Every structure is written in C-alpha cells, then in structure tokens.
Protein backbone atom coordinates (compact mmCIF):
# COMPACT_ATOMS: atom_id res chain seq x y z
CA MET A 1 -157.52 -79.51 10.41
CA ASN A 2 -153.96 -80.32 9.81
CA LYS A 3 -153.04 -79.56 6.26
CA VAL A 4 -152.00 -81.59 3.77
CA TRP A 5 -148.87 -79.78 1.89
CA LEU A 6 -147.11 -81.08 -1.60
CA VAL A 7 -144.60 -79.09 -1.66
CA THR A 8 -141.42 -79.44 -4.90
CA GLY A 9 -137.84 -78.99 -4.12
CA ALA A 10 -138.07 -79.62 -0.23
CA ASN A 11 -135.11 -81.09 0.51
CA SER A 12 -133.18 -77.45 0.29
CA GLY A 13 -133.35 -73.70 0.61
CA PHE A 14 -136.88 -72.56 0.62
CA GLY A 15 -138.56 -75.62 0.20
CA ARG A 16 -136.95 -77.83 3.10
CA ALA A 17 -137.71 -74.02 5.14
CA ILE A 18 -141.58 -74.70 4.29
CA THR A 19 -141.37 -78.39 4.90
CA GLU A 20 -140.74 -77.89 9.00
CA ALA A 21 -143.05 -74.76 9.88
CA ALA A 22 -145.73 -76.74 8.68
CA VAL A 23 -144.41 -79.86 10.10
CA ALA A 24 -144.22 -77.50 13.15
CA ALA A 25 -147.67 -77.09 12.98
CA GLY A 26 -148.52 -80.31 13.31
CA ASP A 27 -148.95 -80.17 9.34
CA VAL A 28 -148.33 -83.03 6.46
CA VAL A 29 -145.91 -82.47 4.36
CA VAL A 30 -145.41 -84.23 0.80
CA GLY A 31 -141.94 -83.15 -0.58
CA ALA A 32 -141.59 -83.50 -4.22
CA VAL A 33 -138.24 -84.37 -4.83
CA ARG A 34 -136.00 -85.93 -8.26
CA ARG A 35 -133.80 -87.75 -4.99
CA PRO A 36 -136.44 -89.10 -2.33
CA GLU A 37 -132.87 -90.06 -0.42
CA THR A 38 -132.39 -86.52 0.48
CA LEU A 39 -135.43 -86.19 2.33
CA ASP A 40 -134.80 -89.54 4.57
CA ASP A 41 -133.93 -87.67 7.89
CA LEU A 42 -137.43 -85.51 7.86
CA VAL A 43 -138.77 -88.70 7.03
CA ALA A 44 -137.30 -90.53 9.50
CA ALA A 45 -137.27 -87.64 12.68
CA HIS A 46 -141.41 -87.30 11.40
CA PRO A 47 -142.26 -90.36 9.92
CA ASP A 48 -146.22 -89.52 10.43
CA GLN A 49 -145.85 -86.12 8.48
CA VAL A 50 -143.33 -86.43 5.90
CA GLU A 51 -143.54 -88.39 2.52
CA ALA A 52 -140.80 -88.49 -0.12
CA LEU A 53 -142.45 -88.18 -3.53
CA ARG A 54 -140.29 -89.09 -6.61
CA LEU A 55 -141.07 -86.58 -9.19
CA ASP A 56 -139.21 -84.08 -11.83
CA VAL A 57 -140.68 -81.21 -12.21
CA ALA A 58 -140.08 -80.34 -15.69
CA ASP A 59 -141.64 -83.78 -16.20
CA THR A 60 -144.85 -82.13 -17.15
CA THR A 61 -146.35 -85.28 -17.99
CA ALA A 62 -145.68 -86.83 -14.23
CA ALA A 63 -147.58 -83.89 -12.91
CA GLY A 64 -150.92 -85.77 -12.64
CA GLN A 65 -149.74 -88.76 -11.73
CA ALA A 66 -148.51 -86.81 -8.04
CA VAL A 67 -151.42 -85.46 -7.16
CA ALA A 68 -153.15 -88.33 -7.86
CA ASP A 69 -151.18 -90.68 -5.76
CA VAL A 70 -151.33 -88.02 -2.77
CA LEU A 71 -154.74 -87.31 -2.94
CA ALA A 72 -155.10 -91.26 -3.37
CA ARG A 73 -153.15 -91.97 0.28
CA HIS A 74 -154.86 -88.35 1.94
CA GLY A 75 -157.32 -87.53 0.34
CA ARG A 76 -156.57 -84.19 -0.01
CA ILE A 77 -154.32 -81.50 -1.03
CA ASP A 78 -154.57 -78.42 1.09
CA VAL A 79 -151.67 -76.40 -0.40
CA LEU A 80 -149.32 -76.46 -3.28
CA VAL A 81 -145.68 -75.26 -3.19
CA ASN A 82 -144.26 -74.47 -6.63
CA ASN A 83 -140.74 -73.91 -5.09
CA ALA A 84 -138.32 -76.52 -7.48
CA GLY A 85 -135.74 -74.04 -9.38
CA ARG A 86 -132.23 -72.79 -9.66
CA THR A 87 -130.77 -69.36 -10.94
CA HIS A 88 -129.39 -68.47 -14.14
CA VAL A 89 -126.45 -66.18 -15.50
CA GLY A 90 -126.27 -64.73 -18.57
CA ALA A 91 -126.45 -62.28 -21.21
CA PHE A 92 -129.40 -62.39 -23.47
CA GLU A 93 -127.67 -62.61 -26.42
CA GLU A 94 -125.64 -65.57 -25.30
CA THR A 95 -128.31 -67.79 -23.49
CA THR A 96 -129.21 -70.54 -25.96
CA GLU A 97 -132.66 -72.01 -26.80
CA THR A 98 -131.49 -75.31 -25.06
CA GLU A 99 -130.79 -73.44 -21.60
CA LEU A 100 -133.73 -71.19 -21.72
CA ARG A 101 -135.98 -73.66 -22.80
CA GLU A 102 -134.26 -76.04 -19.87
CA LEU A 103 -135.69 -73.21 -17.88
CA PHE A 104 -138.95 -72.31 -18.50
CA GLU A 105 -139.62 -76.49 -18.28
CA LEU A 106 -138.52 -76.43 -14.83
CA HIS A 107 -139.97 -72.66 -13.53
CA VAL A 108 -143.29 -72.42 -15.94
CA PHE A 109 -144.20 -74.67 -17.37
CA GLY A 110 -143.30 -77.68 -14.38
CA PRO A 111 -145.97 -75.44 -12.26
CA ALA A 112 -148.51 -74.56 -14.54
CA ALA A 113 -149.02 -78.71 -15.24
CA LEU A 114 -149.24 -79.42 -11.27
CA THR A 115 -151.07 -76.58 -11.15
CA ARG A 116 -153.91 -77.84 -12.95
CA ALA A 117 -153.29 -80.90 -11.66
CA VAL A 118 -154.96 -79.70 -8.18
CA LEU A 119 -157.46 -77.28 -9.86
CA PRO A 120 -160.14 -79.67 -10.00
CA HIS A 121 -160.03 -81.03 -6.36
CA MET A 122 -159.42 -77.74 -4.77
CA ARG A 123 -162.27 -76.37 -7.02
CA GLU A 124 -164.49 -79.17 -5.69
CA ARG A 125 -163.66 -78.31 -2.08
CA ARG A 126 -163.70 -74.76 -2.74
CA SER A 127 -160.89 -74.50 -0.73
CA GLY A 128 -156.92 -74.77 -1.40
CA ALA A 129 -154.20 -72.29 -1.50
CA ILE A 130 -151.29 -72.34 -4.50
CA VAL A 131 -147.88 -70.63 -3.63
CA GLN A 132 -145.75 -69.93 -6.23
CA MET A 133 -142.13 -68.98 -4.64
CA SER A 134 -140.91 -66.11 -7.53
CA SER A 135 -138.44 -63.78 -6.94
CA MET A 136 -137.64 -59.87 -6.57
CA GLY A 137 -136.64 -61.26 -9.85
CA GLY A 138 -139.93 -61.73 -11.08
CA GLN A 139 -140.92 -58.32 -10.81
CA MET A 140 -137.93 -56.51 -12.50
CA SER A 141 -134.29 -57.65 -14.24
CA PHE A 142 -131.13 -56.46 -15.04
CA ALA A 143 -127.85 -57.44 -16.56
CA GLY A 144 -127.32 -61.44 -16.56
CA PHE A 145 -130.75 -62.77 -15.48
CA SER A 146 -132.87 -61.81 -18.48
CA ALA A 147 -133.42 -65.55 -18.41
CA TYR A 148 -134.50 -66.12 -15.35
CA SER A 149 -136.04 -63.39 -14.92
CA GLY A 150 -138.39 -64.13 -18.14
CA THR A 151 -139.08 -67.36 -16.73
CA LYS A 152 -140.06 -65.53 -13.17
CA PHE A 153 -142.12 -62.79 -14.65
CA ALA A 154 -144.07 -65.57 -16.73
CA LEU A 155 -145.41 -67.15 -14.07
CA GLU A 156 -146.39 -63.41 -11.94
CA GLY A 157 -148.56 -63.25 -15.07
CA LEU A 158 -149.93 -66.58 -15.17
CA SER A 159 -150.58 -66.72 -11.55
CA GLU A 160 -152.10 -63.13 -11.08
CA GLY A 161 -154.77 -64.04 -14.01
CA LEU A 162 -155.26 -67.29 -11.93
CA ALA A 163 -156.06 -65.69 -9.07
CA ASP A 164 -158.80 -63.38 -10.51
CA GLU A 165 -160.20 -67.24 -11.76
CA VAL A 166 -160.38 -69.34 -8.62
CA ARG A 167 -161.21 -66.66 -6.12
CA GLU A 168 -164.62 -67.28 -5.88
CA TYR A 169 -164.02 -71.23 -5.71
CA GLY A 170 -162.81 -70.18 -2.22
CA VAL A 171 -158.78 -70.72 -3.46
CA LYS A 172 -156.04 -68.58 -2.50
CA VAL A 173 -153.06 -67.96 -4.76
CA LEU A 174 -149.63 -66.19 -2.94
CA ILE A 175 -146.77 -65.30 -4.82
CA VAL A 176 -143.40 -65.33 -2.72
CA GLU A 177 -141.08 -62.97 -4.22
CA PRO A 178 -137.56 -63.06 -2.37
CA GLY A 179 -134.41 -61.52 -2.38
CA ALA A 180 -130.98 -62.61 -1.26
CA PHE A 181 -131.98 -65.66 1.34
CA ARG A 182 -129.28 -68.18 2.13
CA THR A 183 -130.24 -71.24 -0.11
CA SER A 184 -128.50 -72.91 -1.82
CA LEU A 185 -129.72 -71.23 -4.94
CA PHE A 186 -126.17 -69.46 -5.74
CA ALA A 187 -124.05 -72.95 -4.87
CA GLY A 188 -121.82 -74.04 -7.62
CA ASN A 189 -123.71 -77.39 -8.08
CA ARG A 190 -127.16 -75.24 -8.57
CA ALA A 191 -125.93 -72.30 -9.99
CA GLY A 192 -126.41 -72.22 -14.32
CA ALA A 193 -124.57 -70.79 -16.50
CA SER A 194 -124.50 -69.07 -19.65
CA ALA A 195 -120.70 -69.37 -21.89
CA ASP A 196 -118.86 -65.67 -20.95
CA SER A 197 -117.17 -63.59 -23.93
CA GLY A 198 -116.77 -60.94 -21.32
CA LEU A 199 -118.90 -58.69 -24.44
CA TYR A 200 -121.24 -57.32 -21.47
CA PRO A 201 -119.50 -55.74 -18.69
CA LYS A 202 -122.16 -56.01 -16.26
CA VAL A 203 -122.49 -59.52 -16.99
CA SER A 204 -119.75 -60.55 -15.56
CA GLU A 205 -120.06 -58.40 -12.36
CA THR A 206 -123.82 -60.31 -11.52
CA ARG A 207 -121.91 -63.16 -12.36
CA ALA A 208 -119.07 -62.48 -9.94
CA PHE A 209 -121.60 -61.43 -7.30
CA VAL A 210 -123.87 -64.81 -8.18
CA GLU A 211 -120.31 -66.65 -7.64
CA GLY A 212 -119.34 -64.91 -4.29
CA GLY A 213 -122.47 -64.60 -2.93
CA ASP A 214 -123.06 -68.52 -1.66
CA GLY A 215 -123.50 -68.78 2.23
CA SER A 216 -123.60 -64.62 2.33
CA GLN A 217 -127.23 -63.52 1.67
CA PRO A 218 -128.46 -62.23 4.71
CA GLY A 219 -132.27 -63.66 4.83
CA ASP A 220 -133.34 -66.46 6.77
CA PRO A 221 -135.19 -69.23 5.23
CA ALA A 222 -136.36 -70.75 8.31
CA LYS A 223 -138.08 -66.30 8.71
CA ALA A 224 -139.78 -66.65 5.48
CA ALA A 225 -141.45 -69.38 5.74
CA ALA A 226 -143.08 -68.43 9.41
CA LEU A 227 -144.21 -65.52 7.21
CA ILE A 228 -145.22 -67.71 4.26
CA LEU A 229 -147.43 -69.36 6.60
CA GLN A 230 -149.03 -66.67 7.92
CA ALA A 231 -149.36 -64.61 5.16
CA LEU A 232 -151.57 -68.02 4.24
CA ASP A 233 -153.74 -67.68 7.57
CA ALA A 234 -154.56 -64.61 6.70
CA GLU A 235 -158.09 -63.61 6.24
CA GLU A 236 -156.78 -61.61 3.08
CA THR A 237 -154.09 -63.25 1.86
CA PRO A 238 -151.89 -61.25 -0.29
CA LEU A 239 -151.18 -61.68 -3.49
CA ARG A 240 -147.50 -60.68 -3.96
CA LEU A 241 -144.99 -61.10 -0.92
CA PRO A 242 -141.93 -59.52 -1.43
CA LEU A 243 -139.21 -60.94 1.03
CA GLY A 244 -136.12 -59.86 2.61
CA ASP A 245 -135.30 -56.08 3.07
CA ASP A 246 -133.13 -55.58 -0.16
CA GLY A 247 -136.01 -57.91 -1.81
CA VAL A 248 -138.70 -55.29 -0.14
CA SER A 249 -136.64 -52.27 -1.36
CA ALA A 250 -135.92 -53.27 -4.87
CA VAL A 251 -139.63 -53.94 -5.64
CA LEU A 252 -140.95 -50.58 -4.39
CA GLY A 253 -138.08 -49.29 -6.01
CA HIS A 254 -138.83 -50.67 -9.15
CA LEU A 255 -141.91 -49.93 -8.92
CA ASP A 256 -141.38 -46.09 -8.13
CA GLN A 257 -138.92 -46.21 -11.36
CA VAL A 258 -141.78 -47.86 -13.23
CA ARG A 259 -144.17 -44.58 -12.74
CA ALA A 260 -141.73 -42.15 -13.27
CA GLU A 261 -141.53 -43.35 -16.19
CA ILE A 262 -145.46 -43.64 -17.54
CA THR A 263 -145.72 -40.46 -15.92
CA VAL A 264 -143.18 -38.54 -18.17
CA TRP A 265 -145.05 -39.92 -21.28
CA GLU A 266 -148.26 -40.05 -19.93
CA LYS A 267 -149.65 -37.10 -21.83
CA GLN A 268 -148.88 -38.01 -25.23
CA ALA A 269 -149.64 -41.77 -24.56
CA ARG A 270 -152.86 -40.60 -24.07
CA ALA A 271 -153.41 -38.67 -26.67
CA THR A 272 -153.21 -41.70 -28.58
CA ALA A 273 -157.29 -42.20 -29.29
CA PHE A 274 -158.70 -41.87 -33.16
CA ASP A 275 -159.08 -38.11 -33.74
CA GLU A 276 -163.17 -37.05 -33.44
C-alpha cells in the first residue's frame, strides 16, 4: 500500500527532496508550509499525489487541526517528517531570549506538537514513522551554533525517549543528522543571526563560513532523501542516521572525543559512591 506523508517545510531543501522521492515511489505527500503557493509547481505536476497545507509549525495550537485535516482526507498518516527549520549564528552571550525562544518554538515545540497529534492514530494502527530532521549539530556544537545546536540536542533527546516508548506499538523514529548539504539553509534570507560585537573571533569565523557557504555545500539532498526512504523501509531502521562524509566524520569524531575525555576521569568518576 502506498504511504501518506505529512512533510513540514516541503517547499525547499530536504523537505522538497523527500517529497519528490516519496512521489517517485508512488506515495501521497501533504506538504505543510507557511505559503502554500510555494508548492504550486509540485501540486500541478502531481495533482493526485501532492497537496499543500497552510501551517506555521511554530504555531503549536494549529498542529492538532492540521493532522485532523490530513486524516479526514486520507484516512491515515504513515510518515510524519518534521523538517521545517532554519539556521542561526550567534555567540551564546549575544543570543537574545527572544531569538532563543523562537528557535525552540520552530525546532522543538512545533515538532513535538505535531508528533503528539499523530501518535494516537499511529498507535491505534500499530504502524507509522516519525522522521526528525536534526543535524550533525544535534550531536556536537561549536562557536556560533550554541542556540541552534541547543534546539537540535533537545529534539534528539525527546526523540530518543520517544523511540523507546513507541517501539512496542510498531512506530519507528528516525533522527536524521545531515552535514553540509546544498539546501537553502545558509541562504541570506533564511539564516538568522544575532548581533555581532566582534568579541568572539570564532563566532565571526562561523558567521563568515555560513555567509559564504550557500550553494557550495557538497551534499546532494536527493541522495539524502533516497537514503532516508531506504532506512525507513529497512527491517531495522536506525535511530540515528548521520548524512554526508562530513556529517558522519564529525559525529564519529565527536563520539571518540567524548569517550576519550570520560576515560581520563573514569576511575575518579566511578569512585564517587558512599564508603561502606
């Protein structure tokens, strides 16, 4: 049976690539976007397979109705892809509370609301998959990305616990951790930035990297989307899927670093129990 997908941010980047891959597989995709007209070309090309749904993911009060609308029209949601997002560069000290809260609304509370809305349906059917588009920044961070990575770390923590809860109901959870892919994430009109005082040179370097990186990223979103579909179809879907040579290397390198640091202090850390 062909699947029904609900994909946020389906008009560009990974969202569009996943939508196109699902359509090529014969599935139906409801693309949830703030501006439905940005999906006009896909809807026109595949009128029986692509629908546009107006949704601002950061408006968590709209999640339940959005899911109810899809269920009313299609009877089921087989795959939810929480993809909508944007990057943000700024020193921790210079990132305002408003900026931080807006990022968490988009990357954490929005996906959480949609996930809660689809779970009763998936549990009842004992089938379904939730794809959380994270980042290699969901496993590690560096200067300028503290706020962005903070949201992705939170999403991954929620998702890891969720996966353990829903596994017995036949529901899969897949956390995708891309490296640098040629999407619009670094585009000038998409990349958020806190004020830069120049106090933190490493943050300025990160800002320059983001500003100059759009269009030159090595990763191919279409290949990433194909691998995501393959992982979902696998009998043993992984919890985490780093993507890109840079993403895989960064995540593995970070894990090695964490292990090395723990090992240095392991003996003392273990010896913190009460003396008997």
